[in-house]
Amino acid sequence: MEIIELQVENVKRINALTIKPTEAVVEITGKNEQGKSSTLDSILFALGGKGKIGDMPLRKGKDKGEVLIVLGDNGIPKYRVSRTFTKAGKSTLKVESADGATFKSPQSLIDSFKEDVAFNPEDFANADETTQRRMLFSVSEVNLDTEKLKSLSGVTATGDDPLAIIQNTYRVVYNNRTLAGHSLKNAKSLVESSPEVKKIAPVSSAELLKERKEIEERIWEVAEQKEHLVDLRNSEAEGKEEATALRQKIEALEKELGENEANQVPLAEKVKAQEKKIAAYPKYSLAEIDEKINNADAVNQQARDYETRQAKVAELAKQQKAWDAYTEKLMGIKDYEQEVIASAKFPIPKLGFDESGVTLEGIPLNQRGESKKILLGMTILSALNPKLRIILIRAGNDFDSETKTKIFAWARQNNFQVWIERVADKKEGVCFYIEDGAVSS
């Protein structure tokens, strides 16, 4: 639909005017402060909603103002839209169909005819990144494999905006990595604050005391055997003394001496056997086991310190692994984002996205000239295919002849009605020349 007729009375600088467009491009011209902008504002006031109405829509000194717009296709009326203003600041919108039917929610009806940046093609360039993405991807062929994104990130993502899905997924993984980073930092701090500890096996004081008791018993056993050896040696010495005495009495006691010597043989054998038995015992000492017992607490503390530090080192490795995994996911998401953008089929060649937002020919859109922005916005609006096919352009004086020719051709080819505001000292060509708030004849 387009505007078949526009009537404005007492709105901003407009006194009263009626415009019935006959061309795809409607040029509103005139000198400064005559009502050109007020004419386009009136269209916006009637169709754009209360949010588009300024503080003083009513013409100064007037009690009531009104904008009436007849919408239709190919000259056939479909809706009459009127918005009235009162001196008290009240604004009332009314929409009637061609057969006289009214609507309870007139603004909702009008909003269903247009997009968020309807009327002004520059609004696309000036919109926030979210709105730009939503509009651009709604008119572009974008292939987003959510399962691939899930395999890269471990996150189940939902939504309608492919780039927003990727960025939200990235944000979730980034936040997870941030949490992992805190844990990694804490784990690293714990490891760095713990001195290096040599690995050592813990000991049991009870087992050491048991071992000491066993050694002590063996020492006592050896001591007893040594005492027995002393006894045997003493017995041997006593026997020899007796032998000497007997030899002195050999003549008299030869028989007794013989018996005594006979007795010495088994005693010598017993002495040798005892010596051999004692030699077989290890050289027991309590010094070594006492040292182990005395050092048991220190050894066990070292063993505990080692295990504690190893646990911290293991936790550090675990957190580092988590951090690295999230970093790898983030890189994968970023790479996939570029893959999705690179494969997207946008309505305009060389249109794309980077970290700064929308780009045109590799240059951020906000750095392009007004004519480029307007032509891009018009193409986006055309691709969105709104029912209300009206565009308002206020920067008419920024266009060179080539751009103006492109706009005229585009409006005819895409069945849009383009209203252009332009400063002019006099009426030239097909236009509506505004002078003192009215259309000059």
Foldseek 3Di string as FASTA:
>chain_A
DEWQKKWKDQFALAHIAIDGDDALEFEEEAAPPQCLVVRLLLVCPQQVDPVSDDDGGGHPPDAKIKMWTFDDPPNDTFKIWMWMAGPVGDIDIWIATPVGDTDPCVNVVSPQQADPPPFALLCLLVPDQVSVQVLFVVLWDFDDDQVVLCVLQVDRFDDDRRLVRLVVSLVVLVVVLVVLVVLLVVLVVVLVVADDFDAADADDLVVLVVVLVVLVVVVVVLVVLVVVLVVLVVVLVVLVVVLVVCVVVCVPCVVVSVVSVVVNVVSVVVSVVSVVVSVPDDPGDSPVSVVCSVCNVVRNVSNVSNVVSVVSVVSSVVSVVSSVSSVSSSVVSVVVSVVRQVPMGTLDPQWTADPVHIDRVNHRSVPDDPLVSSVVSLSSRLSVPGNYQEHEAEVVVVDDPVSVVVVSVSSVVSVHRYYYYDYDHDDDDDHFYRGSNYTDD
